[in-house]
Amino acid sequence: MVLSIALHKVSTLNFWACLALVVNAMLLNGYIATIEDDWPGGFNNPDPQPSNAQRRVAQITERVLRSLFGKSR
């Protein structure tokens, strides 16, 4: 809430847009931190081999990010 108020004060966006941006940024940060922690060699997974589920999550995340930012291989 404090970040959204600060963003509202320094930008021309209304409060609700700032709140939506801050909430979405926090959710995205949590998702990325979970992937990093669960990845092989990460905090929750010291095993060096990725599982099939981890490969699928990586592929889906890559597709989403590439569609958002328009980068191709």
PDB file of N, CA and C in Angstrom:
ATOM      1  N   MET A   1       0.823  -1.182   0.000  1.00  0.00           N
ATOM      2  CA  MET A   1       0.000   0.000   0.000  1.00  0.00           C
ATOM      3  C   MET A   1       0.874   1.256   0.000  1.00  0.00           C
ATOM      4  N   VAL A   2       1.939   1.222   0.792  1.00  0.00           N
ATOM      5  CA  VAL A   2       2.829   2.382   0.877  1.00  0.00           C
ATOM      6  C   VAL A   2       3.505   2.630  -0.474  1.00  0.00           C
ATOM      7  N   LEU A   3       3.921   1.539  -1.151  1.00  0.00           N
ATOM      8  CA  LEU A   3       4.558   1.698  -2.464  1.00  0.00           C
ATOM      9  C   LEU A   3       3.596   2.278  -3.488  1.00  0.00           C
ATOM     10  N   SER A   4       2.337   1.859  -3.436  1.00  0.00           N
ATOM     11  CA  SER A   4       1.374   2.393  -4.396  1.00  0.00           C
ATOM     12  C   SER A   4       1.082   3.866  -4.123  1.00  0.00           C
ATOM     13  N   ILE A   5       1.061   4.256  -2.874  1.00  0.00           N
ATOM     14  CA  ILE A   5       0.859   5.684  -2.552  1.00  0.00           C
ATOM     15  C   ILE A   5       2.058   6.495  -3.018  1.00  0.00           C
ATOM     16  N   ALA A   6       3.259   5.977  -2.790  1.00  0.00           N
ATOM     17  CA  ALA A   6       4.467   6.685  -3.235  1.00  0.00           C
ATOM     18  C   ALA A   6       4.499   6.801  -4.756  1.00  0.00           C
ATOM     19  N   LEU A   7       4.156   5.714  -5.456  1.00  0.00           N
ATOM     20  CA  LEU A   7       4.122   5.762  -6.913  1.00  0.00           C
ATOM     21  C   LEU A   7       3.077   6.750  -7.400  1.00  0.00           C
ATOM     22  N   HIS A   8       1.933   6.797  -6.740  1.00  0.00           N
ATOM     23  CA  HIS A   8       0.880   7.753  -7.100  1.00  0.00           C
ATOM     24  C   HIS A   8       1.359   9.194  -6.933  1.00  0.00           C
ATOM     25  N   LYS A   9       2.110   9.460  -5.885  1.00  0.00           N
ATOM     26  CA  LYS A   9       2.584  10.821  -5.623  1.00  0.00           C
ATOM     27  C   LYS A   9       3.624  11.288  -6.643  1.00  0.00           C
ATOM     28  N   VAL A  10       4.473  10.361  -7.136  1.00  0.00           N
ATOM     29  CA  VAL A  10       5.546  10.773  -8.045  1.00  0.00           C
ATOM     30  C   VAL A  10       5.185  10.588  -9.519  1.00  0.00           C
ATOM     31  N   SER A  11       4.014  10.029  -9.806  1.00  0.00           N
ATOM     32  CA  SER A  11       3.615   9.826 -11.199  1.00  0.00           C
ATOM     33  C   SER A  11       2.280  10.505 -11.472  1.00  0.00           C
ATOM     34  N   THR A  12       1.864  10.399 -12.703  1.00  0.00           N
ATOM     35  CA  THR A  12       0.570  10.974 -13.082  1.00  0.00           C
ATOM     36  C   THR A  12      -0.539   9.919 -13.086  1.00  0.00           C
ATOM     37  N   LEU A  13      -0.214   8.701 -12.651  1.00  0.00           N
ATOM     38  CA  LEU A  13      -1.211   7.628 -12.613  1.00  0.00           C
ATOM     39  C   LEU A  13      -2.142   7.801 -11.415  1.00  0.00           C
ATOM     40  N   ASN A  14      -3.389   7.306 -11.560  1.00  0.00           N
ATOM     41  CA  ASN A  14      -4.282   7.375 -10.407  1.00  0.00           C
ATOM     42  C   ASN A  14      -3.915   6.284  -9.409  1.00  0.00           C
ATOM     43  N   PHE A  15      -4.477   6.367  -8.225  1.00  0.00           N
ATOM     44  CA  PHE A  15      -4.107   5.468  -7.139  1.00  0.00           C
ATOM     45  C   PHE A  15      -4.394   4.014  -7.475  1.00  0.00           C
ATOM     46  N   TRP A  16      -5.540   3.724  -8.087  1.00  0.00           N
ATOM     47  CA  TRP A  16      -5.920   2.335  -8.365  1.00  0.00           C
ATOM     48  C   TRP A  16      -5.001   1.690  -9.393  1.00  0.00           C
ATOM     49  N   ALA A  17      -4.557   2.455 -10.371  1.00  0.00           N
ATOM     50  CA  ALA A  17      -3.593   1.924 -11.341  1.00  0.00           C
ATOM     51  C   ALA A  17      -2.262   1.627 -10.647  1.00  0.00           C
ATOM     52  N   CYS A  18      -1.846   2.507  -9.761  1.00  0.00           N
ATOM     53  CA  CYS A  18      -0.605   2.286  -9.006  1.00  0.00           C
ATOM     54  C   CYS A  18      -0.724   1.060  -8.109  1.00  0.00           C
ATOM     55  N   LEU A  19      -1.868   0.898  -7.480  1.00  0.00           N
ATOM     56  CA  LEU A  19      -2.080  -0.258  -6.618  1.00  0.00           C
ATOM     57  C   LEU A  19      -2.035  -1.547  -7.440  1.00  0.00           C
ATOM     58  N   ALA A  20      -2.660  -1.542  -8.616  1.00  0.00           N
ATOM     59  CA  ALA A  20      -2.640  -2.729  -9.477  1.00  0.00           C
ATOM     60  C   ALA A  20      -1.215  -3.053  -9.929  1.00  0.00           C
ATOM     61  N   LEU A  21      -0.447  -2.034 -10.279  1.00  0.00           N
ATOM     62  CA  LEU A  21       0.939  -2.253 -10.688  1.00  0.00           C
ATOM     63  C   LEU A  21       1.767  -2.860  -9.556  1.00  0.00           C
ATOM     64  N   VAL A  22       1.627  -2.336  -8.372  1.00  0.00           N
ATOM     65  CA  VAL A  22       2.412  -2.811  -7.235  1.00  0.00           C
ATOM     66  C   VAL A  22       2.020  -4.244  -6.865  1.00  0.00           C
ATOM     67  N   VAL A  23       0.734  -4.544  -6.837  1.00  0.00           N
ATOM     68  CA  VAL A  23       0.288  -5.895  -6.501  1.00  0.00           C
ATOM     69  C   VAL A  23       0.784  -6.894  -7.544  1.00  0.00           C
ATOM     70  N   ASN A  24       0.656  -6.566  -8.825  1.00  0.00           N
ATOM     71  CA  ASN A  24       1.124  -7.466  -9.878  1.00  0.00           C
ATOM     72  C   ASN A  24       2.636  -7.644  -9.843  1.00  0.00           C
ATOM     73  N   ALA A  25       3.370  -6.598  -9.544  1.00  0.00           N
ATOM     74  CA  ALA A  25       4.824  -6.704  -9.438  1.00  0.00           C
ATOM     75  C   ALA A  25       5.216  -7.625  -8.284  1.00  0.00           C
ATOM     76  N   MET A  26       4.509  -7.534  -7.167  1.00  0.00           N
ATOM     77  CA  MET A  26       4.804  -8.400  -6.029  1.00  0.00           C
ATOM     78  C   MET A  26       4.483  -9.860  -6.351  1.00  0.00           C
ATOM     79  N   LEU A  27       3.375 -10.107  -7.046  1.00  0.00           N
ATOM     80  CA  LEU A  27       3.026 -11.476  -7.419  1.00  0.00           C
ATOM     81  C   LEU A  27       4.042 -12.051  -8.402  1.00  0.00           C
ATOM     82  N   LEU A  28       4.447 -11.259  -9.389  1.00  0.00           N
ATOM     83  CA  LEU A  28       5.440 -11.710 -10.349  1.00  0.00           C
ATOM     84  C   LEU A  28       6.780 -11.989  -9.665  1.00  0.00           C
ATOM     85  N   ASN A  29       7.163 -11.141  -8.740  1.00  0.00           N
ATOM     86  CA  ASN A  29       8.406 -11.350  -7.997  1.00  0.00           C
ATOM     87  C   ASN A  29       8.352 -12.648  -7.197  1.00  0.00           C
ATOM     88  N   GLY A  30       7.233 -12.931  -6.566  1.00  0.00           N
ATOM     89  CA  GLY A  30       7.084 -14.171  -5.822  1.00  0.00           C
ATOM     90  C   GLY A  30       7.156 -15.392  -6.721  1.00  0.00           C
ATOM     91  N   TYR A  31       6.548 -15.308  -7.900  1.00  0.00           N
ATOM     92  CA  TYR A  31       6.589 -16.414  -8.864  1.00  0.00           C
ATOM     93  C   TYR A  31       8.026 -16.675  -9.320  1.00  0.00           C
ATOM     94  N   ILE A  32       8.744 -15.617  -9.654  1.00  0.00           N
ATOM     95  CA  ILE A  32      10.131 -15.765 -10.100  1.00  0.00           C
ATOM     96  C   ILE A  32      11.010 -16.307  -8.970  1.00  0.00           C
ATOM     97  N   ALA A  33      10.799 -15.849  -7.752  1.00  0.00           N
ATOM     98  CA  ALA A  33      11.588 -16.343  -6.618  1.00  0.00           C
ATOM     99  C   ALA A  33      11.311 -17.824  -6.368  1.00  0.00           C
ATOM    100  N   THR A  34      10.070 -18.254  -6.532  1.00  0.00           N
ATOM    101  CA  THR A  34       9.732 -19.668  -6.363  1.00  0.00           C
ATOM    102  C   THR A  34      10.429 -20.520  -7.408  1.00  0.00           C
ATOM    103  N   ILE A  35      10.418 -20.062  -8.654  1.00  0.00           N
ATOM    104  CA  ILE A  35      11.106 -20.804  -9.714  1.00  0.00           C
ATOM    105  C   ILE A  35      12.597 -20.903  -9.408  1.00  0.00           C
ATOM    106  N   GLU A  36      13.206 -19.809  -9.010  1.00  0.00           N
ATOM    107  CA  GLU A  36      14.641 -19.815  -8.713  1.00  0.00           C
ATOM    108  C   GLU A  36      14.967 -20.738  -7.541  1.00  0.00           C
ATOM    109  N   ASP A  37      14.142 -20.726  -6.505  1.00  0.00           N
ATOM    110  CA  ASP A  37      14.406 -21.571  -5.337  1.00  0.00           C
ATOM    111  C   ASP A  37      14.224 -23.049  -5.645  1.00  0.00           C
ATOM    112  N   ASP A  38      13.260 -23.378  -6.504  1.00  0.00           N
ATOM    113  CA  ASP A  38      12.980 -24.778  -6.824  1.00  0.00           C
ATOM    114  C   ASP A  38      13.848 -25.309  -7.948  1.00  0.00           C
ATOM    115  N   TRP A  39      14.541 -24.453  -8.640  1.00  0.00           N
ATOM    116  CA  TRP A  39      15.364 -24.879  -9.764  1.00  0.00           C
ATOM    117  C   TRP A  39      16.548 -25.712  -9.273  1.00  0.00           C
ATOM    118  N   PRO A  40      17.068 -26.618 -10.097  1.00  0.00           N
ATOM    119  CA  PRO A  40      18.202 -27.437  -9.659  1.00  0.00           C
ATOM    120  C   PRO A  40      19.378 -26.579  -9.176  1.00  0.00           C
ATOM    121  N   GLY A  41      19.874 -26.906  -8.020  1.00  0.00           N
ATOM    122  CA  GLY A  41      20.947 -26.134  -7.417  1.00  0.00           C
ATOM    123  C   GLY A  41      20.447 -24.942  -6.618  1.00  0.00           C
ATOM    124  N   GLY A  42      19.129 -24.739  -6.600  1.00  0.00           N
ATOM    125  CA  GLY A  42      18.542 -23.622  -5.865  1.00  0.00           C
ATOM    126  C   GLY A  42      18.395 -23.933  -4.385  1.00  0.00           C
ATOM    127  N   PHE A  43      17.812 -23.020  -3.663  1.00  0.00           N
ATOM    128  CA  PHE A  43      17.689 -23.121  -2.211  1.00  0.00           C
ATOM    129  C   PHE A  43      16.895 -24.350  -1.782  1.00  0.00           C
ATOM    130  N   ASN A  44      15.786 -24.650  -2.467  1.00  0.00           N
ATOM    131  CA  ASN A  44      14.928 -25.774  -2.086  1.00  0.00           C
ATOM    132  C   ASN A  44      15.277 -27.075  -2.794  1.00  0.00           C
ATOM    133  N   ASN A  45      16.191 -27.042  -3.747  1.00  0.00           N
ATOM    134  CA  ASN A  45      16.478 -28.228  -4.549  1.00  0.00           C
ATOM    135  C   ASN A  45      17.968 -28.315  -4.866  1.00  0.00           C
ATOM    136  N   PRO A  46      18.748 -28.923  -3.992  1.00  0.00           N
ATOM    137  CA  PRO A  46      20.187 -29.027  -4.261  1.00  0.00           C
ATOM    138  C   PRO A  46      20.529 -30.065  -5.335  1.00  0.00           C
ATOM    139  N   ASP A  47      19.544 -30.856  -5.784  1.00  0.00           N
ATOM    140  CA  ASP A  47      19.763 -31.867  -6.820  1.00  0.00           C
ATOM    141  C   ASP A  47      20.096 -31.174  -8.146  1.00  0.00           C
ATOM    142  N   PRO A  48      21.171 -31.574  -8.822  1.00  0.00           N
ATOM    143  CA  PRO A  48      21.586 -30.867 -10.040  1.00  0.00           C
ATOM    144  C   PRO A  48      20.761 -31.191 -11.288  1.00  0.00           C
ATOM    145  N   GLN A  49      19.842 -32.173 -11.235  1.00  0.00           N
ATOM    146  CA  GLN A  49      19.076 -32.558 -12.422  1.00  0.00           C
ATOM    147  C   GLN A  49      17.657 -31.988 -12.360  1.00  0.00           C
ATOM    148  N   PRO A  50      17.213 -31.273 -13.407  1.00  0.00           N
ATOM    149  CA  PRO A  50      15.840 -30.754 -13.416  1.00  0.00           C
ATOM    150  C   PRO A  50      14.831 -31.877 -13.660  1.00  0.00           C
ATOM    151  N   SER A  51      13.677 -31.755 -13.043  1.00  0.00           N
ATOM    152  CA  SER A  51      12.612 -32.736 -13.250  1.00  0.00           C
ATOM    153  C   SER A  51      11.802 -32.337 -14.490  1.00  0.00           C
ATOM    154  N   ASN A  52      10.920 -33.228 -14.916  1.00  0.00           N
ATOM    155  CA  ASN A  52      10.054 -32.922 -16.063  1.00  0.00           C
ATOM    156  C   ASN A  52       9.127 -31.753 -15.762  1.00  0.00           C
ATOM    157  N   ALA A  53       8.626 -31.687 -14.537  1.00  0.00           N
ATOM    158  CA  ALA A  53       7.754 -30.579 -14.151  1.00  0.00           C
ATOM    159  C   ALA A  53       8.506 -29.250 -14.224  1.00  0.00           C
ATOM    160  N   GLN A  54       9.756 -29.241 -13.782  1.00  0.00           N
ATOM    161  CA  GLN A  54      10.548 -28.011 -13.834  1.00  0.00           C
ATOM    162  C   GLN A  54      10.813 -27.596 -15.274  1.00  0.00           C
ATOM    163  N   ARG A  55      11.040 -28.564 -16.142  1.00  0.00           N
ATOM    164  CA  ARG A  55      11.243 -28.243 -17.558  1.00  0.00           C
ATOM    165  C   ARG A  55       9.982 -27.633 -18.162  1.00  0.00           C
ATOM    166  N   ARG A  56       8.812 -28.188 -17.805  1.00  0.00           N
ATOM    167  CA  ARG A  56       7.552 -27.645 -18.324  1.00  0.00           C
ATOM    168  C   ARG A  56       7.323 -26.225 -17.824  1.00  0.00           C
ATOM    169  N   VAL A  57       7.581 -25.988 -16.542  1.00  0.00           N
ATOM    170  CA  VAL A  57       7.416 -24.638 -15.989  1.00  0.00           C
ATOM    171  C   VAL A  57       8.355 -23.673 -16.693  1.00  0.00           C
ATOM    172  N   ALA A  58       9.585 -24.093 -16.947  1.00  0.00           N
ATOM    173  CA  ALA A  58      10.549 -23.231 -17.635  1.00  0.00           C
ATOM    174  C   ALA A  58      10.080 -22.922 -19.051  1.00  0.00           C
ATOM    175  N   GLN A  59       9.549 -23.915 -19.758  1.00  0.00           N
ATOM    176  CA  GLN A  59       9.084 -23.689 -21.122  1.00  0.00           C
ATOM    177  C   GLN A  59       7.876 -22.765 -21.150  1.00  0.00           C
ATOM    178  N   ILE A  60       6.935 -22.960 -20.243  1.00  0.00           N
ATOM    179  CA  ILE A  60       5.755 -22.102 -20.191  1.00  0.00           C
ATOM    180  C   ILE A  60       6.146 -20.677 -19.833  1.00  0.00           C
ATOM    181  N   THR A  61       7.029 -20.529 -18.845  1.00  0.00           N
ATOM    182  CA  THR A  61       7.486 -19.194 -18.451  1.00  0.00           C
ATOM    183  C   THR A  61       8.215 -18.511 -19.600  1.00  0.00           C
ATOM    184  N   GLU A  62       9.036 -19.250 -20.318  1.00  0.00           N
ATOM    185  CA  GLU A  62       9.739 -18.683 -21.464  1.00  0.00           C
ATOM    186  C   GLU A  62       8.757 -18.211 -22.530  1.00  0.00           C
ATOM    187  N   ARG A  63       7.734 -19.015 -22.821  1.00  0.00           N
ATOM    188  CA  ARG A  63       6.738 -18.619 -23.826  1.00  0.00           C
ATOM    189  C   ARG A  63       5.987 -17.365 -23.414  1.00  0.00           C
ATOM    190  N   VAL A  64       5.602 -17.301 -22.136  1.00  0.00           N
ATOM    191  CA  VAL A  64       4.869 -16.129 -21.651  1.00  0.00           C
ATOM    192  C   VAL A  64       5.745 -14.887 -21.749  1.00  0.00           C
ATOM    193  N   LEU A  65       6.994 -14.980 -21.294  1.00  0.00           N
ATOM    194  CA  LEU A  65       7.883 -13.824 -21.336  1.00  0.00           C
ATOM    195  C   LEU A  65       8.188 -13.400 -22.768  1.00  0.00           C
ATOM    196  N   ARG A  66       8.379 -14.363 -23.648  1.00  0.00           N
ATOM    197  CA  ARG A  66       8.637 -14.019 -25.053  1.00  0.00           C
ATOM    198  C   ARG A  66       7.419 -13.382 -25.698  1.00  0.00           C
ATOM    199  N   SER A  67       6.216 -13.829 -25.334  1.00  0.00           N
ATOM    200  CA  SER A  67       5.022 -13.208 -25.901  1.00  0.00           C
ATOM    201  C   SER A  67       4.830 -11.789 -25.358  1.00  0.00           C
ATOM    202  N   LEU A  68       5.192 -11.580 -24.092  1.00  0.00           N
ATOM    203  CA  LEU A  68       5.060 -10.240 -23.513  1.00  0.00           C
ATOM    204  C   LEU A  68       6.055  -9.252 -24.096  1.00  0.00           C
ATOM    205  N   PHE A  69       7.275  -9.705 -24.322  1.00  0.00           N
ATOM    206  CA  PHE A  69       8.328  -8.797 -24.753  1.00  0.00           C
ATOM    207  C   PHE A  69       8.643  -8.912 -26.235  1.00  0.00           C
ATOM    208  N   GLY A  70       7.988  -9.832 -26.950  1.00  0.00           N
ATOM    209  CA  GLY A  70       8.108  -9.912 -28.388  1.00  0.00           C
ATOM    210  C   GLY A  70       9.450 -10.373 -28.917  1.00  0.00           C
ATOM    211  N   LYS A  71      10.193 -11.092 -28.133  1.00  0.00           N
ATOM    212  CA  LYS A  71      11.504 -11.574 -28.592  1.00  0.00           C
ATOM    213  C   LYS A  71      11.346 -12.986 -29.116  1.00  0.00           C
ATOM    214  N   SER A  72      11.997 -13.255 -30.242  1.00  0.00           N
ATOM    215  CA  SER A  72      11.969 -14.614 -30.782  1.00  0.00           C
ATOM    216  C   SER A  72      13.349 -15.245 -30.606  1.00  0.00           C
ATOM    217  N   ARG A  73      13.390 -16.550 -30.790  1.00  0.00           N
ATOM    218  CA  ARG A  73      14.663 -17.261 -30.604  1.00  0.00           C
ATOM    219  C   ARG A  73      15.620 -16.916 -31.648  1.00  0.00           C
TER     220      ARG A  73
END
